């Protein structure tokens, strides 16, 4: 049984030109010719082509492919060792592709944060604040957590109206908390702790489940990270530390 160059090209999903090139460089020389001088490929040729395409898929240059196959054909390489090597290479390739797929998936999720809005709509909702300002760092810190995954899933579904409603809640809360700090209320004051609880529930409702221990952990970052501290202190000087203490006090009263 033999096959024409066109048939082999169809079988293998390559071009006739590619098969001509492999013949010209001695990588895959067809074992037969028709009476008219046309190339004819036998079963052994198809087996060799399969090996060539395997190594090409793994990124091997043609000269290295030729050396590998020639060693196998001349008995310099143990066929079983050759198969084990192929298995190792293929496994490594699969792992690399899986990591690439995960990286692309994370990138897709990151681009959805903020998200299905046009630049004009983003400005309308957030003003000059960039909703993706901390996206890369957030993924680096919490990318493997369920909380991060849940926040991505929720954010991907939000519409412009959702983001506007969320931002309105933030603005309303910010105004009330700034007024409380300006009035001199201590962090352990009932009103301060109630606003801290609102803050926790806002995260819980819009992004991910935020138990008290996690909220306290976040509160520490609001002071230790200069960017978060600047964000909260822009509402009122000293608000970041006040909020941290109010969140801690609120957690204590609910978990004591």
Protein backbone atom coordinates (compact mmCIF):
# COMPACT_ATOMS: atom_id res chain seq x y z
CA UNK A 1 0.00 0.00 0.00
CA UNK A 2 1.41 3.36 -0.98
CA UNK A 3 0.12 6.89 -1.01
CA UNK A 4 0.61 9.96 -3.16
CA UNK A 5 2.13 13.15 -1.81
CA UNK A 6 -1.29 14.79 -1.84
CA UNK A 7 -2.85 11.99 0.17
CA UNK A 8 -0.08 12.07 2.75
CA UNK A 9 -0.37 15.84 3.04
CA UNK A 10 -4.09 15.43 3.80
CA UNK A 11 -3.45 12.64 6.32
CA UNK A 12 -0.83 14.59 8.21
CA UNK A 13 -2.27 18.10 7.94
CA UNK A 14 0.81 19.48 6.24
CA UNK A 15 1.34 21.04 2.83
CA UNK A 16 2.65 19.28 -0.24
CA UNK A 17 5.39 21.90 -0.28
CA UNK A 18 6.50 20.80 3.20
CA UNK A 19 6.76 17.17 2.07
CA UNK A 20 8.77 18.23 -0.98
CA UNK A 21 11.13 20.13 1.34
CA UNK A 22 11.54 17.14 3.65
CA UNK A 23 12.42 15.03 0.60
CA UNK A 24 14.90 17.61 -0.70
CA UNK A 25 16.84 17.72 2.59
CA UNK A 26 16.74 13.95 3.08
CA UNK A 27 14.54 14.07 6.18
CA UNK A 28 11.69 12.09 4.64
CA UNK A 29 12.55 10.49 1.32
CA UNK A 30 9.57 8.55 -0.07
CA UNK A 31 10.31 4.86 -0.45
CA UNK A 32 8.79 4.58 -3.90
CA UNK A 33 7.99 6.31 -7.17
CA UNK A 34 5.16 5.82 -9.62
CA UNK A 35 5.81 4.93 -13.27
CA UNK A 36 5.48 8.63 -13.96
CA UNK A 37 8.12 9.45 -11.35
CA UNK A 38 5.74 10.80 -8.72
CA UNK A 39 6.48 10.27 -5.04
CA UNK A 40 4.81 7.30 -3.32
CA UNK A 41 4.87 6.91 0.47
CA UNK A 42 4.66 3.59 2.30
CA UNK A 43 3.66 2.73 5.86
CA UNK A 44 7.22 3.12 7.14
CA UNK A 45 7.34 6.59 5.58
CA UNK A 46 4.13 7.55 7.38
CA UNK A 47 5.60 6.30 10.68
CA UNK A 48 8.68 8.45 10.12
CA UNK A 49 6.54 11.46 9.23
CA UNK A 50 4.59 11.00 12.45
CA UNK A 51 7.85 11.10 14.40
CA UNK A 52 9.01 14.18 12.52
CA UNK A 53 5.81 16.05 13.29
CA UNK A 54 6.00 15.01 16.92
CA UNK A 55 9.44 16.53 17.35
CA UNK A 56 8.52 19.59 15.30
CA UNK A 57 5.56 20.18 17.62
CA UNK A 58 8.01 20.16 20.53
CA UNK A 59 10.10 22.81 18.80
CA UNK A 60 13.05 20.72 17.61
CA UNK A 61 14.87 22.10 14.55
CA UNK A 62 14.88 19.87 11.48
CA UNK A 63 18.57 18.92 11.72
CA UNK A 64 18.09 17.64 15.29
CA UNK A 65 14.97 15.74 14.24
CA UNK A 66 16.97 14.07 11.48
CA UNK A 67 19.74 13.07 13.91
CA UNK A 68 17.26 11.62 16.41
CA UNK A 69 15.43 9.57 13.81
CA UNK A 70 18.59 8.39 12.11
CA UNK A 71 20.00 7.16 15.43
CA UNK A 72 16.81 5.20 15.96
CA UNK A 73 16.81 3.80 12.44
CA UNK A 74 20.45 2.65 12.63
CA UNK A 75 20.01 1.03 16.04
CA UNK A 76 22.14 3.58 17.90
CA UNK A 77 19.14 4.36 20.10
CA UNK A 78 17.12 1.78 22.02
CA UNK A 79 13.51 2.00 20.71
CA UNK A 80 12.16 1.70 24.24
CA UNK A 81 14.45 4.45 25.47
CA UNK A 82 13.34 6.51 22.49
CA UNK A 83 9.70 6.09 23.46
CA UNK A 84 10.46 6.98 27.09
CA UNK A 85 12.23 10.11 25.91
CA UNK A 86 9.24 11.03 23.77
CA UNK A 87 6.94 10.50 26.74
CA UNK A 88 9.11 12.75 28.93
CA UNK A 89 9.21 15.45 26.29
CA UNK A 90 5.48 15.28 25.69
CA UNK A 91 4.71 15.40 29.42
CA UNK A 92 6.92 18.45 29.82
CA UNK A 93 5.20 20.07 26.85
CA UNK A 94 1.76 19.39 28.33
CA UNK A 95 2.79 20.93 31.66
CA UNK A 96 4.14 24.01 29.89
CA UNK A 97 0.96 24.42 27.85
CA UNK A 98 -1.17 24.02 30.98
CA UNK A 99 0.79 26.79 32.69
CA UNK A 100 0.43 28.97 29.61
CA UNK A 101 -3.32 28.33 29.55
CA UNK A 102 -3.59 29.25 33.23
CA UNK A 103 -1.61 32.46 32.64
CA UNK A 104 -3.89 33.42 29.76
CA UNK A 105 -6.98 32.62 31.86
CA UNK A 106 -5.70 34.84 34.68
CA UNK A 107 -4.95 37.61 32.21
CA UNK A 108 -8.46 37.32 30.80
CA UNK A 109 -9.93 37.53 34.29
CA UNK A 110 -7.76 40.53 35.16
CA UNK A 111 -8.94 42.36 32.04
CA UNK A 112 -12.55 41.70 33.04
CA UNK A 113 -12.00 43.47 36.36
CA UNK A 114 -13.63 46.83 35.94
CA UNK A 115 -14.30 45.58 33.13
CA UNK A 116 -16.97 45.46 30.55
CA UNK A 117 -16.91 49.26 30.65
CA UNK A 118 -15.65 51.60 27.96
CA UNK A 119 -12.97 54.14 29.01
CA UNK A 120 -15.69 56.81 29.07
CA UNK A 121 -17.90 54.69 31.32
CA UNK A 122 -15.01 53.93 33.65
CA UNK A 123 -14.34 57.62 34.09
CA UNK A 124 -18.03 58.26 34.66
CA UNK A 125 -18.16 55.62 37.40
CA UNK A 126 -14.75 55.95 39.05
CA UNK A 127 -13.62 59.46 38.12
CA UNK A 128 -9.83 59.63 38.01
CA UNK A 129 -9.45 56.49 40.14
CA UNK A 130 -8.30 53.44 38.17
CA UNK A 131 -10.27 50.33 39.24
CA UNK A 132 -7.44 48.11 37.99
CA UNK A 133 -4.70 50.06 39.76
CA UNK A 134 -3.95 47.19 42.12
CA UNK A 135 -5.09 44.33 39.86
CA UNK A 136 -1.60 42.96 39.17
CA UNK A 137 -0.52 43.20 42.79
CA UNK A 138 -3.79 41.70 43.99
CA UNK A 139 -3.26 38.72 41.70
CA UNK A 140 0.33 38.34 42.91
CA UNK A 141 -0.77 38.41 46.56
CA UNK A 142 -4.03 36.49 46.45
CA UNK A 143 -4.25 34.98 42.97
CA UNK A 144 -4.37 31.44 44.29
CA UNK A 145 -7.06 32.06 46.88
CA UNK A 146 -10.76 31.31 46.65
CA UNK A 147 -11.53 34.88 47.75
CA UNK A 148 -9.64 36.25 44.75
CA UNK A 149 -11.31 33.81 42.38
CA UNK A 150 -14.73 34.70 43.77
CA UNK A 151 -14.08 38.44 43.39
CA UNK A 152 -13.11 37.84 39.76
CA UNK A 153 -16.26 35.82 39.09
CA UNK A 154 -18.51 38.45 40.60
CA UNK A 155 -16.78 41.42 38.97
CA UNK A 156 -17.04 39.77 35.56
CA UNK A 157 -20.84 39.88 35.85
CA UNK A 158 -21.22 43.50 36.95
CA UNK A 159 -22.75 46.04 34.61
CA UNK A 160 -22.17 49.77 34.47
CA UNK A 161 -25.21 50.25 36.71
CA UNK A 162 -23.77 47.81 39.25
CA UNK A 163 -20.46 49.65 39.38
CA UNK A 164 -22.22 53.01 39.77
CA UNK A 165 -24.34 51.65 42.63
CA UNK A 166 -21.25 50.21 44.29
CA UNK A 167 -19.35 53.48 43.94
CA UNK A 168 -22.30 55.41 45.36
CA UNK A 169 -22.20 53.18 48.44
CA UNK A 170 -18.47 53.85 48.82
CA UNK A 171 -18.96 57.62 48.52
CA UNK A 172 -21.81 57.61 51.03
CA UNK A 173 -19.85 55.51 53.53
CA UNK A 174 -16.73 57.66 53.06
CA UNK A 175 -18.61 60.85 53.82
CA UNK A 176 -20.17 59.46 56.98
CA UNK A 177 -16.93 57.96 58.25
CA UNK A 178 -14.95 61.15 57.57
CA UNK A 179 -17.57 63.14 59.50
CA UNK A 180 -17.32 60.72 62.41
CA UNK A 181 -13.52 61.06 62.56
CA UNK A 182 -13.78 64.85 62.28
CA UNK A 183 -16.19 64.87 65.22
CA UNK A 184 -13.57 63.10 67.35
CA UNK A 185 -15.40 59.80 67.87
CA UNK A 186 -12.99 57.10 69.10
CA UNK A 187 -12.53 53.90 67.05
CA UNK A 188 -14.26 51.82 69.72
CA UNK A 189 -17.32 54.09 69.62
CA UNK A 190 -20.52 52.26 68.68
CA UNK A 191 -21.02 54.42 65.59
CA UNK A 192 -17.44 53.80 64.40
CA UNK A 193 -17.78 50.06 64.86
CA UNK A 194 -21.11 50.11 63.01
CA UNK A 195 -19.45 51.84 60.05
CA UNK A 196 -16.61 49.32 60.21
CA UNK A 197 -19.24 46.58 59.98
CA UNK A 198 -20.75 48.33 56.95
CA UNK A 199 -17.29 48.32 55.39
CA UNK A 200 -16.98 44.56 55.93
CA UNK A 201 -20.43 43.84 54.57
CA UNK A 202 -19.71 45.94 51.47
CA UNK A 203 -16.74 43.68 50.67
CA UNK A 204 -18.80 40.62 51.51
CA UNK A 205 -21.69 41.70 49.28
CA UNK A 206 -19.76 42.92 46.25
CA UNK A 207 -16.55 40.91 46.12
CA UNK A 208 -16.04 37.89 48.37
CA UNK A 209 -16.95 36.44 51.74
CA UNK A 210 -15.10 38.54 54.31
CA UNK A 211 -15.10 37.02 57.81
CA UNK A 212 -13.87 39.14 60.71
CA UNK A 213 -10.37 37.67 60.78
CA UNK A 214 -9.88 38.52 57.11
CA UNK A 215 -11.29 42.01 57.66
CA UNK A 216 -8.78 42.64 60.46
CA UNK A 217 -5.98 41.43 58.17
CA UNK A 218 -7.11 43.84 55.46
CA UNK A 219 -7.28 46.66 58.01
CA UNK A 220 -3.60 46.18 58.81
CA UNK A 221 -2.79 46.64 55.13
CA UNK A 222 -4.77 49.90 55.03
CA UNK A 223 -2.09 51.36 57.31
CA UNK A 224 1.05 49.42 56.30
CA UNK A 225 0.61 49.95 52.54
CA UNK A 226 1.24 53.61 51.76
CA UNK A 227 -1.11 53.63 48.80
CA UNK A 228 -4.08 52.34 50.79
CA UNK A 229 -3.17 54.67 53.64
CA UNK A 230 -3.13 57.62 51.27
CA UNK A 231 -6.51 56.59 49.85
CA UNK A 232 -8.21 56.49 53.26
CA UNK A 233 -6.36 59.48 54.68
CA UNK A 234 -7.50 61.53 51.68
CA UNK A 235 -11.03 61.25 53.14
CA UNK A 236 -9.79 62.74 56.41
CA UNK A 237 -6.30 62.91 57.99
CA UNK A 238 -5.70 59.88 60.20
CA UNK A 239 -8.71 57.97 58.88
CA UNK A 240 -6.69 54.91 57.85
CA UNK A 241 -5.47 54.20 61.40
CA UNK A 242 -8.85 55.09 62.86
CA UNK A 243 -10.55 52.60 60.49
CA UNK A 244 -8.02 49.88 61.31
CA UNK A 245 -8.74 50.28 65.02
CA UNK A 246 -12.51 50.43 64.46
CA UNK A 247 -12.38 47.25 62.36
CA UNK A 248 -10.38 45.51 65.10
CA UNK A 249 -12.81 46.66 67.77
CA UNK A 250 -15.79 45.60 65.67
CA UNK A 251 -14.30 42.14 65.12
CA UNK A 252 -13.72 41.78 68.86
CA UNK A 253 -17.30 42.63 69.75
CA UNK A 254 -18.64 40.09 67.26
CA UNK A 255 -16.24 37.25 68.02
CA UNK A 256 -15.76 37.65 71.77
